Amino acid sequence: ILFIIVENKNRNQIPIVKSIDRINYRLAFAIGVFQLIA
């Protein structure tokens, strides 16, 4: 359900981060928190 909601929300939005080198440490840690859920 979350996949569908997020994709619908992002349908007309332009991503902020378009390359891996633009991922900073705070963003990397935040993504890691989602991995923790798994």
Full PDB file with SEQRES, HELIX, SHEET, SSBOND, CRYST1, ORIGX, SCALE, CONECT and MASTER records, all heavy atoms in Angstrom:
SEQRES   1 A   38  ILE LEU PHE ILE ILE VAL GLU ASN LYS ASN ARG ASN GLN          
SEQRES   2 A   38  ILE PRO ILE VAL LYS SER ILE ASP ARG ILE ASN TYR ARG          
SEQRES   3 A   38  LEU ALA PHE ALA ILE GLY VAL PHE GLN LEU ILE ALA              
HELIX    1 AA1 LEU A    2  LYS A    9  1                                   8    
HELIX    2 AA2 ILE A   20  ARG A   22  5                                   3    
HELIX    3 AA3 TYR A   25  ILE A   37  1                                  13    
CRYST1    1.000    1.000    1.000  90.00  90.00  90.00 P 1           1          
ORIGX1      1.000000  0.000000  0.000000        0.00000                         
ORIGX2      0.000000  1.000000  0.000000        0.00000                         
ORIGX3      0.000000  0.000000  1.000000        0.00000                         
SCALE1      1.000000  0.000000  0.000000        0.00000                         
SCALE2      0.000000  1.000000  0.000000        0.00000                         
SCALE3      0.000000  0.000000  1.000000        0.00000                         
ATOM      1  N   ILE A   1       0.840  -1.206   0.000  1.00  0.00           N  
ATOM      2  CA  ILE A   1       0.000   0.000   0.000  1.00  0.00           C  
ATOM      3  C   ILE A   1       0.872   1.252   0.000  1.00  0.00           C  
ATOM      4  O   ILE A   1       0.594   2.227  -0.705  1.00  0.00           O  
ATOM      5  CB  ILE A   1      -0.937  -0.007   1.233  1.00  0.00           C  
ATOM      6  CG1 ILE A   1      -1.950  -1.160   1.111  1.00  0.00           C  
ATOM      7  CG2 ILE A   1      -1.657   1.327   1.374  1.00  0.00           C  
ATOM      8  CD1 ILE A   1      -2.783  -1.375   2.359  1.00  0.00           C  
ATOM      9  N   LEU A   2       1.955   1.219   0.798  1.00  0.00           N  
ATOM     10  CA  LEU A   2       2.847   2.372   0.897  1.00  0.00           C  
ATOM     11  C   LEU A   2       3.511   2.667  -0.448  1.00  0.00           C  
ATOM     12  O   LEU A   2       3.668   3.838  -0.829  1.00  0.00           O  
ATOM     13  CB  LEU A   2       3.900   2.123   1.972  1.00  0.00           C  
ATOM     14  CG  LEU A   2       4.753   3.328   2.388  1.00  0.00           C  
ATOM     15  CD1 LEU A   2       3.865   4.477   2.846  1.00  0.00           C  
ATOM     16  CD2 LEU A   2       5.719   2.936   3.505  1.00  0.00           C  
ATOM     17  N   PHE A   3       3.909   1.622  -1.172  1.00  0.00           N  
ATOM     18  CA  PHE A   3       4.477   1.811  -2.510  1.00  0.00           C  
ATOM     19  C   PHE A   3       3.510   2.593  -3.403  1.00  0.00           C  
ATOM     20  O   PHE A   3       3.902   3.540  -4.095  1.00  0.00           O  
ATOM     21  CB  PHE A   3       4.785   0.462  -3.164  1.00  0.00           C  
ATOM     22  CG  PHE A   3       6.240   0.093  -3.122  1.00  0.00           C  
ATOM     23  CD1 PHE A   3       6.655  -1.087  -2.519  1.00  0.00           C  
ATOM     24  CD2 PHE A   3       7.190   0.909  -3.696  1.00  0.00           C  
ATOM     25  CE1 PHE A   3       7.991  -1.439  -2.482  1.00  0.00           C  
ATOM     26  CE2 PHE A   3       8.540   0.571  -3.665  1.00  0.00           C  
ATOM     27  CZ  PHE A   3       8.939  -0.608  -3.056  1.00  0.00           C  
ATOM     28  N   ILE A   4       2.265   2.190  -3.395  1.00  0.00           N  
ATOM     29  CA  ILE A   4       1.257   2.820  -4.256  1.00  0.00           C  
ATOM     30  C   ILE A   4       1.027   4.272  -3.841  1.00  0.00           C  
ATOM     31  O   ILE A   4       0.961   5.177  -4.688  1.00  0.00           O  
ATOM     32  CB  ILE A   4      -0.060   2.017  -4.202  1.00  0.00           C  
ATOM     33  CG1 ILE A   4       0.161   0.616  -4.790  1.00  0.00           C  
ATOM     34  CG2 ILE A   4      -1.167   2.750  -4.962  1.00  0.00           C  
ATOM     35  CD1 ILE A   4      -0.988  -0.332  -4.569  1.00  0.00           C  
ATOM     36  N   ILE A   5       0.942   4.510  -2.528  1.00  0.00           N  
ATOM     37  CA  ILE A   5       0.720   5.874  -2.026  1.00  0.00           C  
ATOM     38  C   ILE A   5       1.891   6.782  -2.394  1.00  0.00           C  
ATOM     39  O   ILE A   5       1.698   7.903  -2.885  1.00  0.00           O  
ATOM     40  CB  ILE A   5       0.524   5.853  -0.492  1.00  0.00           C  
ATOM     41  CG1 ILE A   5      -0.796   5.165  -0.139  1.00  0.00           C  
ATOM     42  CG2 ILE A   5       0.545   7.273   0.066  1.00  0.00           C  
ATOM     43  CD1 ILE A   5      -1.007   4.968   1.348  1.00  0.00           C  
ATOM     44  N   VAL A   6       3.115   6.309  -2.159  1.00  0.00           N  
ATOM     45  CA  VAL A   6       4.304   7.115  -2.432  1.00  0.00           C  
ATOM     46  C   VAL A   6       4.428   7.420  -3.922  1.00  0.00           C  
ATOM     47  O   VAL A   6       4.722   8.554  -4.318  1.00  0.00           O  
ATOM     48  CB  VAL A   6       5.572   6.400  -1.928  1.00  0.00           C  
ATOM     49  CG1 VAL A   6       6.837   7.125  -2.409  1.00  0.00           C  
ATOM     50  CG2 VAL A   6       5.576   6.336  -0.405  1.00  0.00           C  
ATOM     51  N   GLU A   7       4.184   6.430  -4.758  1.00  0.00           N  
ATOM     52  CA  GLU A   7       4.291   6.650  -6.204  1.00  0.00           C  
ATOM     53  C   GLU A   7       3.214   7.617  -6.700  1.00  0.00           C  
ATOM     54  O   GLU A   7       3.481   8.452  -7.569  1.00  0.00           O  
ATOM     55  CB  GLU A   7       4.208   5.320  -6.955  1.00  0.00           C  
ATOM     56  CG  GLU A   7       5.469   4.467  -6.869  1.00  0.00           C  
ATOM     57  CD  GLU A   7       6.627   5.046  -7.663  1.00  0.00           C  
ATOM     58  OE1 GLU A   7       6.605   6.233  -8.034  1.00  0.00           O  
ATOM     59  OE2 GLU A   7       7.593   4.309  -7.914  1.00  0.00           O  
ATOM     60  N   ASN A   8       2.020   7.510  -6.158  1.00  0.00           N  
ATOM     61  CA  ASN A   8       0.963   8.457  -6.546  1.00  0.00           C  
ATOM     62  C   ASN A   8       1.313   9.872  -6.115  1.00  0.00           C  
ATOM     63  O   ASN A   8       1.085  10.843  -6.851  1.00  0.00           O  
ATOM     64  CB  ASN A   8      -0.380   8.041  -5.929  1.00  0.00           C  
ATOM     65  CG  ASN A   8      -1.006   6.851  -6.646  1.00  0.00           C  
ATOM     66  OD1 ASN A   8      -0.717   6.612  -7.821  1.00  0.00           O  
ATOM     67  ND2 ASN A   8      -1.849   6.111  -5.955  1.00  0.00           N  
ATOM     68  N   LYS A   9       1.889   9.990  -4.927  1.00  0.00           N  
ATOM     69  CA  LYS A   9       2.274  11.303  -4.417  1.00  0.00           C  
ATOM     70  C   LYS A   9       3.397  11.915  -5.242  1.00  0.00           C  
ATOM     71  O   LYS A   9       3.432  13.133  -5.478  1.00  0.00           O  
ATOM     72  CB  LYS A   9       2.708  11.184  -2.954  1.00  0.00           C  
ATOM     73  CG  LYS A   9       3.129  12.511  -2.332  1.00  0.00           C  
ATOM     74  CD  LYS A   9       3.604  12.323  -0.897  1.00  0.00           C  
ATOM     75  CE  LYS A   9       4.078  13.641  -0.306  1.00  0.00           C  
ATOM     76  NZ  LYS A   9       4.605  13.472   1.077  1.00  0.00           N  
ATOM     77  N   ASN A  10       4.330  11.060  -5.696  1.00  0.00           N  
ATOM     78  CA  ASN A  10       5.498  11.554  -6.429  1.00  0.00           C  
ATOM     79  C   ASN A  10       5.276  11.659  -7.935  1.00  0.00           C  
ATOM     80  O   ASN A  10       6.209  11.993  -8.671  1.00  0.00           O  
ATOM     81  CB  ASN A  10       6.696  10.626  -6.178  1.00  0.00           C  
ATOM     82  CG  ASN A  10       7.210  10.702  -4.755  1.00  0.00           C  
ATOM     83  OD1 ASN A  10       6.818  11.589  -3.996  1.00  0.00           O  
ATOM     84  ND2 ASN A  10       8.064   9.775  -4.386  1.00  0.00           N  
ATOM     85  N   ARG A  11       4.063  11.387  -8.372  1.00  0.00           N  
ATOM     86  CA  ARG A  11       3.786  11.290  -9.809  1.00  0.00           C  
ATOM     87  C   ARG A  11       4.264  12.513 -10.590  1.00  0.00           C  
ATOM     88  O   ARG A  11       4.900  12.401 -11.629  1.00  0.00           O  
ATOM     89  CB  ARG A  11       2.288  11.081 -10.033  1.00  0.00           C  
ATOM     90  CG  ARG A  11       1.904  10.897 -11.507  1.00  0.00           C  
ATOM     91  CD  ARG A  11       0.398  10.774 -11.624  1.00  0.00           C  
ATOM     92  NE  ARG A  11      -0.097   9.667 -10.816  1.00  0.00           N  
ATOM     93  CZ  ARG A  11      -1.393   9.491 -10.524  1.00  0.00           C  
ATOM     94  NH1 ARG A  11      -2.294  10.369 -10.944  1.00  0.00           N  
ATOM     95  NH2 ARG A  11      -1.778   8.455  -9.810  1.00  0.00           N  
ATOM     96  N   ASN A  12       3.969  13.686 -10.092  1.00  0.00           N  
ATOM     97  CA  ASN A  12       4.315  14.920 -10.816  1.00  0.00           C  
ATOM     98  C   ASN A  12       5.439  15.714 -10.156  1.00  0.00           C  
ATOM     99  O   ASN A  12       5.628  16.890 -10.455  1.00  0.00           O  
ATOM    100  CB  ASN A  12       3.065  15.803 -10.950  1.00  0.00           C  
ATOM    101  CG  ASN A  12       1.950  15.115 -11.732  1.00  0.00           C  
ATOM    102  OD1 ASN A  12       2.208  14.493 -12.764  1.00  0.00           O  
ATOM    103  ND2 ASN A  12       0.723  15.211 -11.242  1.00  0.00           N  
ATOM    104  N   GLN A  13       6.169  15.046  -9.249  1.00  0.00           N  
ATOM    105  CA  GLN A  13       7.247  15.733  -8.551  1.00  0.00           C  
ATOM    106  C   GLN A  13       8.606  15.372  -9.145  1.00  0.00           C  
ATOM    107  O   GLN A  13       8.817  14.233  -9.582  1.00  0.00           O  
ATOM    108  CB  GLN A  13       7.223  15.388  -7.057  1.00  0.00           C  
ATOM    109  CG  GLN A  13       5.982  15.908  -6.332  1.00  0.00           C  
ATOM    110  CD  GLN A  13       6.056  15.656  -4.830  1.00  0.00           C  
ATOM    111  OE1 GLN A  13       7.054  15.170  -4.322  1.00  0.00           O  
ATOM    112  NE2 GLN A  13       4.989  16.000  -4.128  1.00  0.00           N  
ATOM    113  N   ILE A  14       9.505  16.319  -9.160  1.00  0.00           N  
ATOM    114  CA  ILE A  14      10.859  16.094  -9.657  1.00  0.00           C  
ATOM    115  C   ILE A  14      11.751  15.685  -8.483  1.00  0.00           C  
ATOM    116  O   ILE A  14      11.785  16.376  -7.461  1.00  0.00           O  
ATOM    117  CB  ILE A  14      11.426  17.364 -10.317  1.00  0.00           C  
ATOM    118  CG1 ILE A  14      10.548  17.765 -11.514  1.00  0.00           C  
ATOM    119  CG2 ILE A  14      12.869  17.135 -10.773  1.00  0.00           C  
ATOM    120  CD1 ILE A  14      10.957  19.070 -12.149  1.00  0.00           C  
ATOM    121  N   PRO A  15      12.459  14.546  -8.584  1.00  0.00           N  
ATOM    122  CA  PRO A  15      13.319  14.094  -7.483  1.00  0.00           C  
ATOM    123  C   PRO A  15      14.393  15.127  -7.143  1.00  0.00           C  
ATOM    124  O   PRO A  15      14.915  15.816  -8.023  1.00  0.00           O  
ATOM    125  CB  PRO A  15      13.949  12.809  -8.033  1.00  0.00           C  
ATOM    126  CG  PRO A  15      13.031  12.370  -9.133  1.00  0.00           C  
ATOM    127  CD  PRO A  15      12.473  13.620  -9.721  1.00  0.00           C  
ATOM    128  N   ILE A  16      14.714  15.217  -5.864  1.00  0.00           N  
ATOM    129  CA  ILE A  16      15.754  16.143  -5.412  1.00  0.00           C  
ATOM    130  C   ILE A  16      17.137  15.548  -5.637  1.00  0.00           C  
ATOM    131  O   ILE A  16      18.069  16.239  -6.041  1.00  0.00           O  
ATOM    132  CB  ILE A  16      15.556  16.473  -3.919  1.00  0.00           C  
ATOM    133  CG1 ILE A  16      14.190  17.130  -3.691  1.00  0.00           C  
ATOM    134  CG2 ILE A  16      16.676  17.390  -3.414  1.00  0.00           C  
ATOM    135  CD1 ILE A  16      13.845  17.300  -2.225  1.00  0.00           C  
ATOM    136  N   VAL A  17      17.265  14.253  -5.394  1.00  0.00           N  
ATOM    137  CA  VAL A  17      18.556  13.565  -5.489  1.00  0.00           C  
ATOM    138  C   VAL A  17      18.553  12.685  -6.738  1.00  0.00           C  
ATOM    139  O   VAL A  17      17.808  11.711  -6.822  1.00  0.00           O  
ATOM    140  CB  VAL A  17      18.820  12.701  -4.242  1.00  0.00           C  
ATOM    141  CG1 VAL A  17      20.151  11.973  -4.358  1.00  0.00           C  
ATOM    142  CG2 VAL A  17      18.785  13.567  -2.983  1.00  0.00           C  
ATOM    143  N   LYS A  18      19.411  13.031  -7.702  1.00  0.00           N  
ATOM    144  CA  LYS A  18      19.430  12.317  -8.980  1.00  0.00           C  
ATOM    145  C   LYS A  18      20.724  11.548  -9.222  1.00  0.00           C  
ATOM    146  O   LYS A  18      20.906  10.987 -10.298  1.00  0.00           O  
ATOM    147  CB  LYS A  18      19.192  13.308 -10.125  1.00  0.00           C  
ATOM    148  CG  LYS A  18      17.834  14.000 -10.061  1.00  0.00           C  
ATOM    149  CD  LYS A  18      17.650  14.947 -11.231  1.00  0.00           C  
ATOM    150  CE  LYS A  18      16.302  15.655 -11.154  1.00  0.00           C  
ATOM    151  NZ  LYS A  18      16.108  16.580 -12.300  1.00  0.00           N  
ATOM    152  N   SER A  19      21.614  11.538  -8.250  1.00  0.00           N  
ATOM    153  CA  SER A  19      22.842  10.748  -8.356  1.00  0.00           C  
ATOM    154  C   SER A  19      23.283  10.349  -6.954  1.00  0.00           C  
ATOM    155  O   SER A  19      22.993  11.052  -5.969  1.00  0.00           O  
ATOM    156  CB  SER A  19      23.954  11.545  -9.053  1.00  0.00           C  
ATOM    157  OG  SER A  19      24.291  12.694  -8.304  1.00  0.00           O  
ATOM    158  N   ILE A  20      23.970   9.214  -6.856  1.00  0.00           N  
ATOM    159  CA  ILE A  20      24.376   8.694  -5.545  1.00  0.00           C  
ATOM    160  C   ILE A  20      25.287   9.659  -4.806  1.00  0.00           C  
ATOM    161  O   ILE A  20      25.227   9.775  -3.574  1.00  0.00           O  
ATOM    162  CB  ILE A  20      25.041   7.312  -5.710  1.00  0.00           C  
ATOM    163  CG1 ILE A  20      23.974   6.261  -6.013  1.00  0.00           C  
ATOM    164  CG2 ILE A  20      25.827   6.925  -4.463  1.00  0.00           C  
ATOM    165  CD1 ILE A  20      24.481   4.848  -6.097  1.00  0.00           C  
ATOM    166  N   ASP A  21      26.141  10.380  -5.537  1.00  0.00           N  
ATOM    167  CA  ASP A  21      27.063  11.294  -4.859  1.00  0.00           C  
ATOM    168  C   ASP A  21      26.345  12.476  -4.205  1.00  0.00           C  
ATOM    169  O   ASP A  21      26.932  13.187  -3.400  1.00  0.00           O  
ATOM    170  CB  ASP A  21      28.133  11.788  -5.834  1.00  0.00           C  
ATOM    171  CG  ASP A  21      27.541  12.589  -6.983  1.00  0.00           C  
ATOM    172  OD1 ASP A  21      26.515  12.170  -7.542  1.00  0.00           O  
ATOM    173  OD2 ASP A  21      28.119  13.631  -7.336  1.00  0.00           O  
ATOM    174  N   ARG A  22      25.039  12.671  -4.548  1.00  0.00           N  
ATOM    175  CA  ARG A  22      24.259  13.738  -3.908  1.00  0.00           C  
ATOM    176  C   ARG A  22      23.610  13.274  -2.605  1.00  0.00           C  
ATOM    177  O   ARG A  22      22.988  14.079  -1.907  1.00  0.00           O  
ATOM    178  CB  ARG A  22      23.184  14.244  -4.872  1.00  0.00           C  
ATOM    179  CG  ARG A  22      23.721  14.900  -6.139  1.00  0.00           C  
ATOM    180  CD  ARG A  22      24.575  16.112  -5.820  1.00  0.00           C  
ATOM    181  NE  ARG A  22      23.831  17.128  -5.102  1.00  0.00           N  
ATOM    182  CZ  ARG A  22      23.100  18.075  -5.675  1.00  0.00           C  
ATOM    183  NH1 ARG A  22      23.031  18.137  -7.002  1.00  0.00           N  
ATOM    184  NH2 ARG A  22      22.445  18.967  -4.958  1.00  0.00           N  
ATOM    185  N   ILE A  23      23.739  12.002  -2.303  1.00  0.00           N  
ATOM    186  CA  ILE A  23      23.236  11.495  -1.023  1.00  0.00           C  
ATOM    187  C   ILE A  23      24.237  11.881   0.071  1.00  0.00           C  
ATOM    188  O   ILE A  23      25.398  11.483   0.018  1.00  0.00           O  
ATOM    189  CB  ILE A  23      23.062   9.961  -1.053  1.00  0.00           C  
ATOM    190  CG1 ILE A  23      21.981   9.563  -2.060  1.00  0.00           C  
ATOM    191  CG2 ILE A  23      22.716   9.418   0.336  1.00  0.00           C  
ATOM    192  CD1 ILE A  23      21.790   8.057  -2.201  1.00  0.00           C  
ATOM    193  N   ASN A  24      23.786  12.668   1.049  1.00  0.00           N  
ATOM    194  CA  ASN A  24      24.672  13.051   2.144  1.00  0.00           C  
ATOM    195  C   ASN A  24      24.551  12.049   3.298  1.00  0.00           C  
ATOM    196  O   ASN A  24      23.744  11.109   3.242  1.00  0.00           O  
ATOM    197  CB  ASN A  24      24.390  14.478   2.617  1.00  0.00           C  
ATOM    198  CG  ASN A  24      22.937  14.673   3.051  1.00  0.00           C  
ATOM    199  OD1 ASN A  24      22.319  13.756   3.613  1.00  0.00           O  
ATOM    200  ND2 ASN A  24      22.384  15.838   2.785  1.00  0.00           N  
ATOM    201  N   TYR A  25      25.320  12.247   4.351  1.00  0.00           N  
ATOM    202  CA  TYR A  25      25.341  11.274   5.440  1.00  0.00           C  
ATOM    203  C   TYR A  25      24.020  11.226   6.206  1.00  0.00           C  
ATOM    204  O   TYR A  25      23.585  10.147   6.633  1.00  0.00           O  
ATOM    205  CB  TYR A  25      26.505  11.596   6.396  1.00  0.00           C  
ATOM    206  CG  TYR A  25      27.846  11.297   5.791  1.00  0.00           C  
ATOM    207  CD1 TYR A  25      28.611  12.306   5.205  1.00  0.00           C  
ATOM    208  CD2 TYR A  25      28.355   9.997   5.770  1.00  0.00           C  
ATOM    209  CE1 TYR A  25      29.851  12.031   4.621  1.00  0.00           C  
ATOM    210  CE2 TYR A  25      29.588   9.710   5.201  1.00  0.00           C  
ATOM    211  CZ  TYR A  25      30.322  10.732   4.621  1.00  0.00           C  
ATOM    212  OH  TYR A  25      31.540  10.443   4.037  1.00  0.00           O  
ATOM    213  N   ARG A  26      23.387  12.362   6.374  1.00  0.00           N  
ATOM    214  CA  ARG A  26      22.101  12.372   7.083  1.00  0.00           C  
ATOM    215  C   ARG A  26      21.042  11.615   6.305  1.00  0.00           C  
ATOM    216  O   ARG A  26      20.266  10.843   6.878  1.00  0.00           O  
ATOM    217  CB  ARG A  26      21.659  13.815   7.314  1.00  0.00           C  
ATOM    218  CG  ARG A  26      20.383  13.932   8.150  1.00  0.00           C  
ATOM    219  CD  ARG A  26      20.126  15.365   8.571  1.00  0.00           C  
ATOM    220  NE  ARG A  26      19.918  16.251   7.422  1.00  0.00           N  
ATOM    221  CZ  ARG A  26      19.661  17.542   7.516  1.00  0.00           C  
ATOM    222  NH1 ARG A  26      19.613  18.106   8.719  1.00  0.00           N  
ATOM    223  NH2 ARG A  26      19.477  18.271   6.441  1.00  0.00           N  
ATOM    224  N   LEU A  27      21.029  11.809   4.981  1.00  0.00           N  
ATOM    225  CA  LEU A  27      20.073  11.102   4.137  1.00  0.00           C  
ATOM    226  C   LEU A  27      20.378   9.605   4.115  1.00  0.00           C  
ATOM    227  O   LEU A  27      19.461   8.768   4.171  1.00  0.00           O  
ATOM    228  CB  LEU A  27      20.117  11.669   2.714  1.00  0.00           C  
ATOM    229  CG  LEU A  27      19.192  11.027   1.668  1.00  0.00           C  
ATOM    230  CD1 LEU A  27      17.746  11.082   2.134  1.00  0.00           C  
ATOM    231  CD2 LEU A  27      19.347  11.732   0.323  1.00  0.00           C  
ATOM    232  N   ALA A  28      21.657   9.255   4.067  1.00  0.00           N  
ATOM    233  CA  ALA A  28      22.053   7.848   4.077  1.00  0.00           C  
ATOM    234  C   ALA A  28      21.582   7.165   5.366  1.00  0.00           C  
ATOM    235  O   ALA A  28      21.059   6.040   5.337  1.00  0.00           O  
ATOM    236  CB  ALA A  28      23.566   7.721   3.939  1.00  0.00           C  
ATOM    237  N   PHE A  29      21.755   7.844   6.495  1.00  0.00           N  
ATOM    238  CA  PHE A  29      21.322   7.278   7.778  1.00  0.00           C  
ATOM    239  C   PHE A  29      19.805   7.099   7.798  1.00  0.00           C  
ATOM    240  O   PHE A  29      19.300   6.088   8.297  1.00  0.00           O  
ATOM    241  CB  PHE A  29      21.766   8.177   8.928  1.00  0.00           C  
ATOM    242  CG  PHE A  29      21.483   7.595  10.295  1.00  0.00           C  
ATOM    243  CD1 PHE A  29      22.372   6.686  10.866  1.00  0.00           C  
ATOM    244  CD2 PHE A  29      20.344   7.938  10.996  1.00  0.00           C  
ATOM    245  CE1 PHE A  29      22.120   6.136  12.122  1.00  0.00           C  
ATOM    246  CE2 PHE A  29      20.074   7.403  12.246  1.00  0.00           C  
ATOM    247  CZ  PHE A  29      20.967   6.497  12.807  1.00  0.00           C  
ATOM    248  N   ALA A  30      19.087   8.081   7.252  1.00  0.00           N  
ATOM    249  CA  ALA A  30      17.618   8.002   7.215  1.00  0.00           C  
ATOM    250  C   ALA A  30      17.161   6.809   6.384  1.00  0.00           C  
ATOM    251  O   ALA A  30      16.225   6.092   6.771  1.00  0.00           O  
ATOM    252  CB  ALA A  30      17.047   9.299   6.654  1.00  0.00           C  
ATOM    253  N   ILE A  31      17.822   6.575   5.258  1.00  0.00           N  
ATOM    254  CA  ILE A  31      17.496   5.408   4.435  1.00  0.00           C  
ATOM    255  C   ILE A  31      17.805   4.131   5.215  1.00  0.00           C  
ATOM    256  O   ILE A  31      17.065   3.137   5.143  1.00  0.00           O  
ATOM    257  CB  ILE A  31      18.281   5.433   3.110  1.00  0.00           C  
ATOM    258  CG1 ILE A  31      17.822   6.628   2.259  1.00  0.00           C  
ATOM    259  CG2 ILE A  31      18.085   4.136   2.330  1.00  0.00           C  
ATOM    260  CD1 ILE A  31      18.647   6.849   1.003  1.00  0.00           C  
ATOM    261  N   GLY A  32      18.887   4.157   5.989  1.00  0.00           N  
ATOM    262  CA  GLY A  32      19.252   3.012   6.807  1.00  0.00           C  
ATOM    263  C   GLY A  32      18.212   2.687   7.869  1.00  0.00           C  
ATOM    264  O   GLY A  32      18.039   1.517   8.239  1.00  0.00           O  
ATOM    265  N   VAL A  33      17.503   3.700   8.348  1.00  0.00           N  
ATOM    266  CA  VAL A  33      16.435   3.460   9.326  1.00  0.00           C  
ATOM    267  C   VAL A  33      15.307   2.645   8.684  1.00  0.00           C  
ATOM    268  O   VAL A  33      14.710   1.774   9.328  1.00  0.00           O  
ATOM    269  CB  VAL A  33      15.886   4.796   9.877  1.00  0.00           C  
ATOM    270  CG1 VAL A  33      14.644   4.569  10.728  1.00  0.00           C  
ATOM    271  CG2 VAL A  33      16.971   5.503  10.693  1.00  0.00           C  
ATOM    272  N   PHE A  34      15.021   2.914   7.421  1.00  0.00           N  
ATOM    273  CA  PHE A  34      14.014   2.125   6.712  1.00  0.00           C  
ATOM    274  C   PHE A  34      14.493   0.682   6.539  1.00  0.00           C  
ATOM    275  O   PHE A  34      13.692  -0.258   6.621  1.00  0.00           O  
ATOM    276  CB  PHE A  34      13.701   2.750   5.352  1.00  0.00           C  
ATOM    277  CG  PHE A  34      12.753   3.905   5.421  1.00  0.00           C  
ATOM    278  CD1 PHE A  34      13.220   5.196   5.614  1.00  0.00           C  
ATOM    279  CD2 PHE A  34      11.382   3.705   5.315  1.00  0.00           C  
ATOM    280  CE1 PHE A  34      12.339   6.272   5.694  1.00  0.00           C  
ATOM    281  CE2 PHE A  34      10.498   4.764   5.391  1.00  0.00           C  
ATOM    282  CZ  PHE A  34      10.968   6.062   5.581  1.00  0.00           C  
ATOM    283  N   GLN A  35      15.784   0.501   6.305  1.00  0.00           N  
ATOM    284  CA  GLN A  35      16.316  -0.860   6.226  1.00  0.00           C  
ATOM    285  C   GLN A  35      16.153  -1.570   7.569  1.00  0.00           C  
ATOM    286  O   GLN A  35      15.923  -2.786   7.610  1.00  0.00           O  
ATOM    287  CB  GLN A  35      17.792  -0.838   5.831  1.00  0.00           C  
ATOM    288  CG  GLN A  35      18.398  -2.222   5.720  1.00  0.00           C  
ATOM    289  CD  GLN A  35      19.814  -2.226   5.189  1.00  0.00           C  
ATOM    290  OE1 GLN A  35      20.075  -2.696   4.090  1.00  0.00           O  
ATOM    291  NE2 GLN A  35      20.747  -1.703   5.971  1.00  0.00           N  
ATOM    292  N   LEU A  36      16.248  -0.832   8.657  1.00  0.00           N  
ATOM    293  CA  LEU A  36      16.059  -1.396   9.983  1.00  0.00           C  
ATOM    294  C   LEU A  36      14.663  -2.007  10.122  1.00  0.00           C  
ATOM    295  O   LEU A  36      14.490  -3.062  10.733  1.00  0.00           O  
ATOM    296  CB  LEU A  36      16.262  -0.310  11.052  1.00  0.00           C  
ATOM    297  CG  LEU A  36      15.874  -0.667  12.489  1.00  0.00           C  
ATOM    298  CD1 LEU A  36      16.696  -1.837  12.993  1.00  0.00           C  
ATOM    299  CD2 LEU A  36      16.051   0.550  13.400  1.00  0.00           C  
ATOM    300  N   ILE A  37      13.661  -1.352   9.543  1.00  0.00           N  
ATOM    301  CA  ILE A  37      12.296  -1.877   9.602  1.00  0.00           C  
ATOM    302  C   ILE A  37      12.247  -3.273   8.995  1.00  0.00           C  
ATOM    303  O   ILE A  37      11.607  -4.183   9.530  1.00  0.00           O  
ATOM    304  CB  ILE A  37      11.321  -0.935   8.871  1.00  0.00           C  
ATOM    305  CG1 ILE A  37      11.305   0.436   9.542  1.00  0.00           C  
ATOM    306  CG2 ILE A  37       9.915  -1.530   8.831  1.00  0.00           C  
ATOM    307  CD1 ILE A  37      10.496   1.484   8.792  1.00  0.00           C  
ATOM    308  N   ALA A  38      12.937  -3.444   7.857  1.00  0.00           N  
ATOM    309  CA  ALA A  38      12.974  -4.743   7.197  1.00  0.00           C  
ATOM    310  C   ALA A  38      13.720  -5.773   8.036  1.00  0.00           C  
ATOM    311  O   ALA A  38      13.383  -6.958   8.035  1.00  0.00           O  
ATOM    312  CB  ALA A  38      13.620  -4.614   5.824  1.00  0.00           C  
TER     313      ALA A  38                                                      
MASTER        0    0    0    3    0    0    0    6  312    1    0    3          
END                                                                             
